[in-house]
Protein backbone atom coordinates (compact mmCIF):
# COMPACT_ATOMS: atom_id res chain seq x y z
CA MET A 1 90.17 87.82 58.31
CA THR A 2 87.81 89.41 60.83
CA LEU A 3 88.30 88.46 64.46
CA ILE A 4 85.44 88.83 66.93
CA PHE A 5 86.33 88.81 70.63
CA PHE A 6 83.23 90.40 72.14
CA SER A 7 81.62 87.28 73.60
CA SER A 8 84.80 86.23 75.44
CA LEU A 9 84.41 89.20 77.80
CA LYS A 10 81.16 88.03 79.37
CA PRO A 11 82.65 86.00 82.27
CA TYR A 12 84.70 88.91 83.56
CA ILE A 13 82.09 91.60 82.95
CA THR A 14 79.54 89.71 85.07
CA GLN A 15 82.06 88.53 87.67
CA TYR A 16 81.36 91.28 90.20
CA GLN A 17 77.80 92.04 89.07
CA LYS A 18 76.43 91.64 92.60
CA LEU A 19 78.87 94.17 94.08
CA GLU A 20 77.68 97.78 94.18
CA TYR A 21 79.77 100.49 95.83
CA PHE A 22 77.51 103.48 95.11
CA HIS A 23 73.82 104.37 95.04
CA LEU A 24 72.90 104.32 91.36
CA LYS A 25 70.08 105.48 89.17
CA SER A 26 69.19 104.72 85.57
CA LEU A 27 69.20 107.35 82.90
CA VAL A 28 66.60 106.34 80.32
CA TYR A 29 67.15 107.87 76.92
CA PRO A 30 64.21 108.73 74.64
CA GLU A 31 62.33 105.85 73.02
CA GLY A 32 63.93 103.13 75.09
CA VAL A 33 67.63 103.82 74.63
CA GLY A 34 68.84 103.09 78.14
CA PHE A 35 72.02 103.49 80.11
CA GLN A 36 72.50 101.92 83.51
CA GLY A 37 75.05 102.89 86.08
CA PHE A 38 75.48 106.66 86.30
CA PRO A 39 75.67 107.78 89.93
CA CYS A 40 72.87 110.04 91.10
CA LYS A 41 74.16 113.55 91.74
CA ARG A 42 72.53 113.88 95.14
CA GLN A 43 73.35 110.35 96.29
CA TYR A 44 76.87 110.04 94.94
CA SER A 45 79.57 109.50 97.52
CA THR A 46 83.30 109.34 96.99
CA ARG A 47 83.58 107.22 100.11
CA ILE A 48 84.15 103.65 98.95
CA ASN A 49 82.38 100.98 100.94
CA MET A 50 85.34 98.74 101.77
CA LYS A 51 83.06 96.41 103.70
CA ASN A 52 81.43 95.30 100.46
CA ARG A 53 84.61 95.02 98.46
CA PRO A 54 85.59 91.50 97.37
CA SER A 55 87.97 89.77 99.75
CA ARG A 56 91.11 88.02 98.59
CA CYS A 57 89.03 84.84 98.44
CA GLU A 58 86.02 86.34 96.65
CA ALA A 59 88.12 88.16 94.04
CA SER A 60 91.08 85.84 93.95
CA ARG A 61 93.87 85.62 91.44
CA ILE A 62 92.27 82.40 90.20
CA ASP A 63 89.02 84.23 89.39
CA VAL A 64 90.85 86.78 87.25
CA VAL A 65 92.94 84.15 85.49
CA ASN A 66 89.85 82.06 84.72
CA ALA A 67 87.90 85.08 83.44
CA PHE A 68 90.65 85.92 80.93
CA SER A 69 91.85 82.36 80.34
CA GLY A 70 91.73 82.68 76.55
CA LEU A 71 94.06 85.67 76.44
CA LYS A 72 97.76 85.50 75.67
CA LYS A 73 98.34 88.46 78.00
CA PRO A 74 95.69 88.56 80.75
CA PRO A 75 95.43 91.55 83.10
CA PRO A 76 97.43 91.45 86.33
CA TYR A 77 95.68 90.61 89.57
CA HIS A 78 94.87 93.30 92.11
CA PRO A 79 92.98 92.50 95.34
CA THR A 80 90.93 95.72 95.52
CA GLN A 81 90.69 96.98 91.94
CA ASP A 82 88.80 95.53 88.99
CA ILE A 83 88.42 96.73 85.45
CA LYS A 84 84.64 96.83 85.51
CA GLU A 85 84.71 99.40 88.30
CA ILE A 86 87.31 101.51 86.50
CA ILE A 87 85.11 101.61 83.41
CA ARG A 88 81.94 102.38 85.34
CA LEU A 89 83.51 105.32 87.13
CA SER A 90 85.08 106.59 83.91
CA LEU A 91 81.72 106.59 82.12
CA ALA A 92 80.06 108.29 85.06
CA GLU A 93 82.78 110.93 85.20
CA ASP A 94 82.23 111.80 81.54
CA ALA A 95 78.42 111.74 81.42
CA GLY A 96 77.65 113.19 84.84
CA ASP A 97 73.96 113.00 85.77
CA LEU A 98 72.49 113.95 82.38
CA GLY A 99 74.37 111.75 79.91
CA ASP A 100 75.70 112.83 76.51
CA ILE A 101 73.43 115.82 76.18
CA THR A 102 74.75 116.82 72.73
CA SER A 103 73.97 113.42 71.23
CA LEU A 104 70.61 113.30 73.00
CA ALA A 105 69.72 116.73 71.62
CA THR A 106 70.81 116.20 68.02
CA ILE A 107 70.44 112.51 67.10
CA PRO A 108 67.13 110.63 66.74
CA ALA A 109 66.94 107.99 69.45
CA ASP A 110 66.43 105.08 67.03
CA THR A 111 69.44 105.91 64.82
CA GLN A 112 71.77 102.96 64.29
CA THR A 113 75.27 103.47 62.92
CA THR A 114 78.68 101.93 62.37
CA ALA A 115 81.90 103.65 63.43
CA THR A 116 85.47 102.71 62.58
CA PHE A 117 88.65 102.70 64.66
CA LEU A 118 91.51 104.26 62.66
CA ALA A 119 95.20 104.28 63.60
CA LYS A 120 96.73 107.72 63.06
CA ALA A 121 100.23 106.62 64.08
CA ASP A 122 102.34 103.45 64.08
CA GLY A 123 102.43 101.45 67.29
CA ILE A 124 101.42 98.42 69.34
CA LEU A 125 97.69 98.06 69.89
CA ALA A 126 96.42 97.59 73.45
CA GLY A 127 93.00 98.09 74.99
CA VAL A 128 90.80 96.25 72.48
CA ILE A 129 89.23 94.16 75.22
CA VAL A 130 88.87 97.21 77.46
CA ALA A 131 87.07 99.07 74.67
CA ASP A 132 84.71 96.13 74.31
CA MET A 133 84.04 96.26 78.04
CA VAL A 134 83.26 99.99 77.81
CA PHE A 135 80.67 99.38 75.11
CA GLU A 136 79.25 96.41 77.02
CA ALA A 137 78.89 98.49 80.18
CA LEU A 138 77.08 101.26 78.30
CA ASP A 139 74.94 99.30 75.89
CA PRO A 140 75.10 95.48 75.55
CA ASN A 141 73.52 95.75 72.09
CA ILE A 142 76.65 97.32 70.60
CA LYS A 143 78.58 94.83 68.46
CA THR A 144 82.29 95.14 67.74
CA GLU A 145 84.52 93.47 65.17
CA TRP A 146 88.31 93.65 65.18
CA THR A 147 90.87 92.83 62.53
CA SER A 148 93.70 93.40 65.02
CA ARG A 149 93.97 92.39 68.64
CA ASP A 150 95.95 93.42 71.71
CA GLY A 151 99.68 93.12 71.05
CA ASP A 152 99.42 93.48 67.27
CA ARG A 153 101.36 96.13 65.40
CA ILE A 154 99.18 98.75 63.73
CA THR A 155 100.27 101.36 61.20
CA LYS A 156 99.14 104.88 60.36
CA GLY A 157 96.03 104.84 58.18
CA MET A 158 95.03 101.31 59.20
CA LYS A 159 91.37 100.58 60.03
CA PHE A 160 91.45 97.88 62.68
CA GLY A 161 87.94 97.67 64.13
CA THR A 162 84.30 98.67 63.93
CA ALA A 163 81.47 99.20 66.39
CA THR A 164 77.81 98.99 65.38
CA GLY A 165 74.78 100.01 67.39
CA SER A 166 72.83 102.96 68.71
CA ALA A 167 74.47 106.17 67.51
CA ILE A 168 73.80 107.82 70.86
CA SER A 169 75.35 104.93 72.77
CA LEU A 170 78.41 104.80 70.52
CA LEU A 171 79.11 108.51 70.89
CA THR A 172 78.52 108.40 74.65
CA ALA A 173 81.10 105.62 75.01
CA GLU A 174 83.52 106.97 72.40
CA ARG A 175 85.78 109.15 74.56
CA VAL A 176 86.17 106.68 77.44
CA ALA A 177 86.93 103.83 75.04
CA LEU A 178 89.45 105.95 73.13
CA ASN A 179 91.08 107.43 76.24
CA LEU A 180 91.78 104.01 77.69
CA MET A 181 92.79 102.41 74.38
CA GLN A 182 95.08 105.31 73.38
CA ARG A 183 96.81 105.36 76.77
CA MET A 184 97.25 101.58 76.86
CA SER A 185 98.53 101.54 73.27
CA GLY A 186 101.00 104.33 74.04
CA ILE A 187 102.34 102.36 77.02
CA ALA A 188 102.51 99.14 75.00
CA THR A 189 104.35 100.90 72.18
CA ALA A 190 106.92 102.50 74.50
CA THR A 191 107.39 99.20 76.33
CA HIS A 192 107.94 97.30 73.10
CA LEU A 193 110.66 99.67 71.96
CA MET A 194 112.42 99.58 75.31
CA ALA A 195 112.06 95.81 75.77
CA GLU A 196 113.67 95.14 72.41
CA ALA A 197 116.55 97.51 73.12
CA ALA A 198 117.13 96.14 76.65
CA LYS A 199 117.71 92.50 75.72
CA PRO A 200 118.92 90.28 77.27
CA ALA A 201 117.69 92.21 80.34
CA ILE A 202 113.95 92.24 81.07
CA ILE A 203 112.01 95.50 81.20
CA LEU A 204 109.85 96.13 84.28
CA ASP A 205 107.30 98.81 85.08
CA THR A 206 107.02 100.65 88.42
CA ARG A 207 104.28 102.05 90.67
CA LYS A 208 104.43 105.36 88.77
CA THR A 209 101.03 104.77 87.18
CA ALA A 210 98.00 107.02 86.75
CA PRO A 211 95.88 106.97 89.93
CA GLY A 212 93.01 104.54 89.52
CA LEU A 213 94.43 103.00 86.33
CA ARG A 214 97.20 100.81 87.73
CA VAL A 215 95.74 97.52 86.50
CA LEU A 216 95.30 98.91 82.97
CA ASP A 217 98.71 100.61 82.90
CA LYS A 218 100.48 97.46 84.03
CA TRP A 219 98.42 95.29 81.69
CA ALA A 220 99.56 97.47 78.79
CA VAL A 221 103.20 96.93 79.81
CA THR A 222 102.83 93.15 79.50
CA ILE A 223 101.01 93.52 76.16
CA GLY A 224 104.01 95.52 74.94
CA GLY A 225 106.49 92.84 75.96
CA GLY A 226 107.56 93.95 79.43
CA GLU A 227 106.91 92.40 82.82
CA ASN A 228 105.23 93.73 85.93
CA HIS A 229 107.12 94.78 89.04
CA ARG A 230 105.19 94.66 92.32
CA MET A 231 101.59 95.78 91.96
CA GLY A 232 101.61 97.96 95.06
CA LEU A 233 102.91 98.38 98.57
CA TYR A 234 101.37 95.11 99.70
CA ASP A 235 102.84 92.31 97.59
CA MET A 236 106.61 92.71 98.03
CA LEU A 237 108.95 94.45 100.44
CA MET A 238 111.15 97.01 98.71
CA ILE A 239 113.63 98.48 101.17
CA LYS A 240 114.76 101.80 99.68
CA ASP A 241 117.03 104.60 100.86
CA ASN A 242 114.40 106.26 103.06
CA HIS A 243 113.65 102.97 104.80
CA VAL A 244 117.36 102.32 105.33
CA GLU A 245 117.94 105.79 106.77
CA SER A 246 114.90 105.51 109.06
CA ALA A 247 115.81 102.01 110.25
CA GLY A 248 119.46 102.80 110.96
CA GLY A 249 121.16 101.02 108.07
CA ILE A 250 120.75 98.18 105.60
CA THR A 251 121.37 95.37 108.08
CA ALA A 252 118.97 96.81 110.64
CA ALA A 253 116.25 97.33 108.02
CA VAL A 254 116.52 93.79 106.68
CA THR A 255 116.59 92.29 110.19
CA ARG A 256 113.42 94.13 111.15
CA ALA A 257 111.74 93.21 107.87
CA ARG A 258 112.46 89.51 108.32
CA ASP A 259 111.14 89.63 111.88
CA TYR A 260 107.95 91.37 110.74
CA LEU A 261 107.29 88.82 108.02
CA SER A 262 107.87 85.94 110.42
CA ARG A 263 105.60 87.35 113.13
CA HIS A 264 102.79 88.02 110.66
CA ASN A 265 103.29 84.78 108.71
CA LEU A 266 103.60 86.63 105.39
CA GLN A 267 104.99 84.74 102.41
CA LEU A 268 106.75 87.70 100.79
CA THR A 269 110.25 88.38 99.54
CA ILE A 270 112.46 91.44 99.82
CA GLU A 271 114.10 93.70 97.29
CA LEU A 272 116.90 95.88 98.59
CA GLU A 273 117.95 99.15 96.98
CA THR A 274 121.63 100.04 96.82
CA ARG A 275 123.28 103.22 95.53
CA THR A 276 127.01 102.51 95.92
CA LEU A 277 129.36 99.56 95.73
CA ASP A 278 129.80 99.70 99.51
CA GLU A 279 126.05 99.29 99.92
CA VAL A 280 126.11 96.36 97.47
CA LYS A 281 128.78 94.68 99.60
CA GLU A 282 126.76 95.26 102.78
CA ALA A 283 123.67 93.89 101.06
CA MET A 284 125.53 90.74 100.09
CA GLU A 285 126.47 90.20 103.72
CA VAL A 286 122.80 89.85 104.63
CA VAL A 287 121.85 87.72 101.64
CA LYS A 288 121.44 84.13 102.77
CA GLY A 289 121.01 81.63 99.98
CA ALA A 290 120.26 82.18 96.32
CA LYS A 291 116.62 81.00 96.37
CA PRO A 292 113.97 83.59 97.20
CA ARG A 293 111.95 82.55 100.21
CA THR A 294 110.03 84.34 102.93
CA GLY A 295 112.15 87.02 104.52
CA GLU A 296 115.03 86.59 102.08
CA ILE A 297 116.38 89.07 99.60
CA CYS A 298 115.37 87.97 96.12
CA ARG A 299 116.67 91.02 94.24
CA ILE A 300 119.13 93.88 94.66
CA MET A 301 118.34 97.18 93.00
CA LEU A 302 121.22 99.18 91.55
CA ASP A 303 119.88 102.69 91.70
CA ASN A 304 121.24 105.54 89.58
CA MET A 305 124.57 103.84 88.94
CA ASP A 306 126.54 104.49 85.78
CA VAL A 307 127.10 101.48 83.55
CA SER A 308 130.68 100.81 84.65
CA THR A 309 129.70 100.85 88.34
CA MET A 310 126.72 98.67 87.53
CA LYS A 311 129.00 96.06 85.94
CA GLU A 312 131.15 95.99 89.08
CA ALA A 313 128.05 95.57 91.22
CA VAL A 314 126.85 92.67 89.09
CA GLN A 315 130.24 90.98 89.56
CA ILE A 316 130.09 91.45 93.35
CA ILE A 317 126.59 89.92 93.48
CA GLY A 318 127.78 87.07 91.31
CA GLY A 319 124.34 85.70 90.46
CA ALA A 320 123.41 85.04 94.10
CA VAL A 321 120.20 87.02 93.56
CA ALA A 322 118.59 88.85 90.68
CA THR A 323 119.65 92.41 89.95
CA GLU A 324 117.62 95.41 88.84
CA ALA A 325 118.89 98.61 87.27
CA SER A 326 116.80 101.67 88.03
CA GLY A 327 116.95 105.43 87.66
CA ASN A 328 116.96 107.68 84.58
CA VAL A 329 116.35 104.81 82.18
CA THR A 330 115.58 106.09 78.68
CA ILE A 331 115.33 104.56 75.23
CA ASP A 332 118.79 106.02 74.53
CA SER A 333 120.45 104.51 77.62
CA VAL A 334 118.64 101.20 77.98
CA GLU A 335 120.72 99.23 75.46
CA ALA A 336 123.98 99.85 77.32
CA ILE A 337 122.31 99.08 80.65
CA GLY A 338 120.94 95.83 79.24
CA LYS A 339 124.46 94.74 78.31
CA SER A 340 125.79 95.37 81.84
CA GLY A 341 124.67 91.96 83.08
CA VAL A 342 121.64 93.03 85.14
CA THR A 343 118.60 90.77 85.22
CA TYR A 344 115.96 93.50 85.09
CA ILE A 345 115.66 97.16 84.15
CA SER A 346 112.78 99.16 85.64
CA SER A 347 111.45 102.32 84.03
CA GLY A 348 108.85 104.66 85.47
CA ALA A 349 108.73 106.54 82.16
CA LEU A 350 106.75 103.68 80.60
CA THR A 351 103.66 104.79 82.51
CA HIS A 352 104.26 108.26 83.99
CA SER A 353 105.51 109.99 80.83
CA VAL A 354 103.72 108.04 78.15
CA ALA A 355 102.51 109.64 74.92
CA ALA A 356 99.10 108.28 73.96
CA LEU A 357 98.93 106.56 70.58
CA ASP A 358 96.75 108.59 68.21
CA ILE A 359 93.57 106.65 67.34
CA SER A 360 90.31 108.04 65.96
CA PHE A 361 86.72 106.77 66.02
CA ASN A 362 84.71 107.88 63.01
CA VAL A 363 81.07 107.33 62.09
CA GLU A 364 81.08 105.96 58.53
CA SER A 365 77.52 104.81 57.88
CA VAL A 366 74.06 105.43 59.28
CA LEU A 367 71.95 102.27 59.18
CA SER A 368 68.62 103.74 60.18
C-alpha cells in the first residue's frame, strides 16, 4: 500500500512564513522554473535578527504539537529553532547564489522526472517528513509518495519512496534531503539498537548534537525509540562536576541553584551529577521529597561508575529520585548497565558518533 504524507506538512511549513531573518532574493531558473529563498551574496548576513525571532508565546510548544498532531513521534520543541529555518539555510548553503549550476547547464528546464529512494543498508527510517519539507521549500510542485514512514524498519535493496517533478528541482534538493534523512536514520537506527539492549532502563540522548541540527538529531532519537534529555542549557539545571567545584561543593551548588530559581520564579528542576558513593550520599542529604518540583532534585546522575558501584548507588538512592547512568556507554556495555537498576541511561554517541544510514536517490524515468 502506498502512503502519502505530503499534505500533512502544510501547517508547519507555513507556520513561520511571515518571519524572515535574512535579506533574500529569488533565483529564477530558465522557462519559469523558480526557486525562492537563496540569500543574496552581497546582502547575506550571518547575524541573526533576534528581535524578529518568535517569542515563547508566538512559537509555543502548543504550536509545534498542533502542527505535527498527526504524527506518532512529533519533533521536540525548541524556543529559538525551527525546522523550516534549518532547511532553508541548508539549501542556501548548498546552492550558494547561483543554484545547481550543473543541472541548469545540462538539463532542459521543462524536464519532468521521477526519482526513487533506495535503502542500501538495513536500519530504522527517519527523516521522511523532513525530506518532504525540503522538497516543499524548493519547489511546491514536487510530489512524493512513501511506502515506509518514520520509525519503520527498512532493509538493503528496498525502494521506499519516490519524488516526481522538475528534474532540476529534484536534483537541487537531492543532497540536502539525503543528508538530513541519512543522518536522522543513522541516529534512529543506533538508538533502536541501544534502547532494546538497555531495557528496562530508558535510553536518553545528550546535548552532543551537530550544531544547528539539535531539533532533528533529538527527533531522530525519539523515532528510534529513545527519549530526549534536556534540549539545551535553558530547560533544566544540571549541576555537574565543574559547577560543584566552582560553587564550593554539592550542598553549596544546590543551595544557590534553589535560591536562583526562587528569585527568578523559574519552574525548573535539578539534576545532580555524582562520581563516587560519597557524593551520592551527600546528594541524598540535600534531596527533599521524592516528587520533582521547582528547586528540587529530580534525578541523580551516576557518572562513569562501574556497574557494581552503580548498583550500590541505586540502593543508596532507594527510589527517592530517578537515576541516570552516564559515561562511556556503548552497545556492548549498555545491557549490563540497564540491569543495574538505573532509571535512565544517557549516551552522547547516539548523535556525536553516528554513522549515517546509506540511502540513494536515483532518477528512474523521464516524463517529458
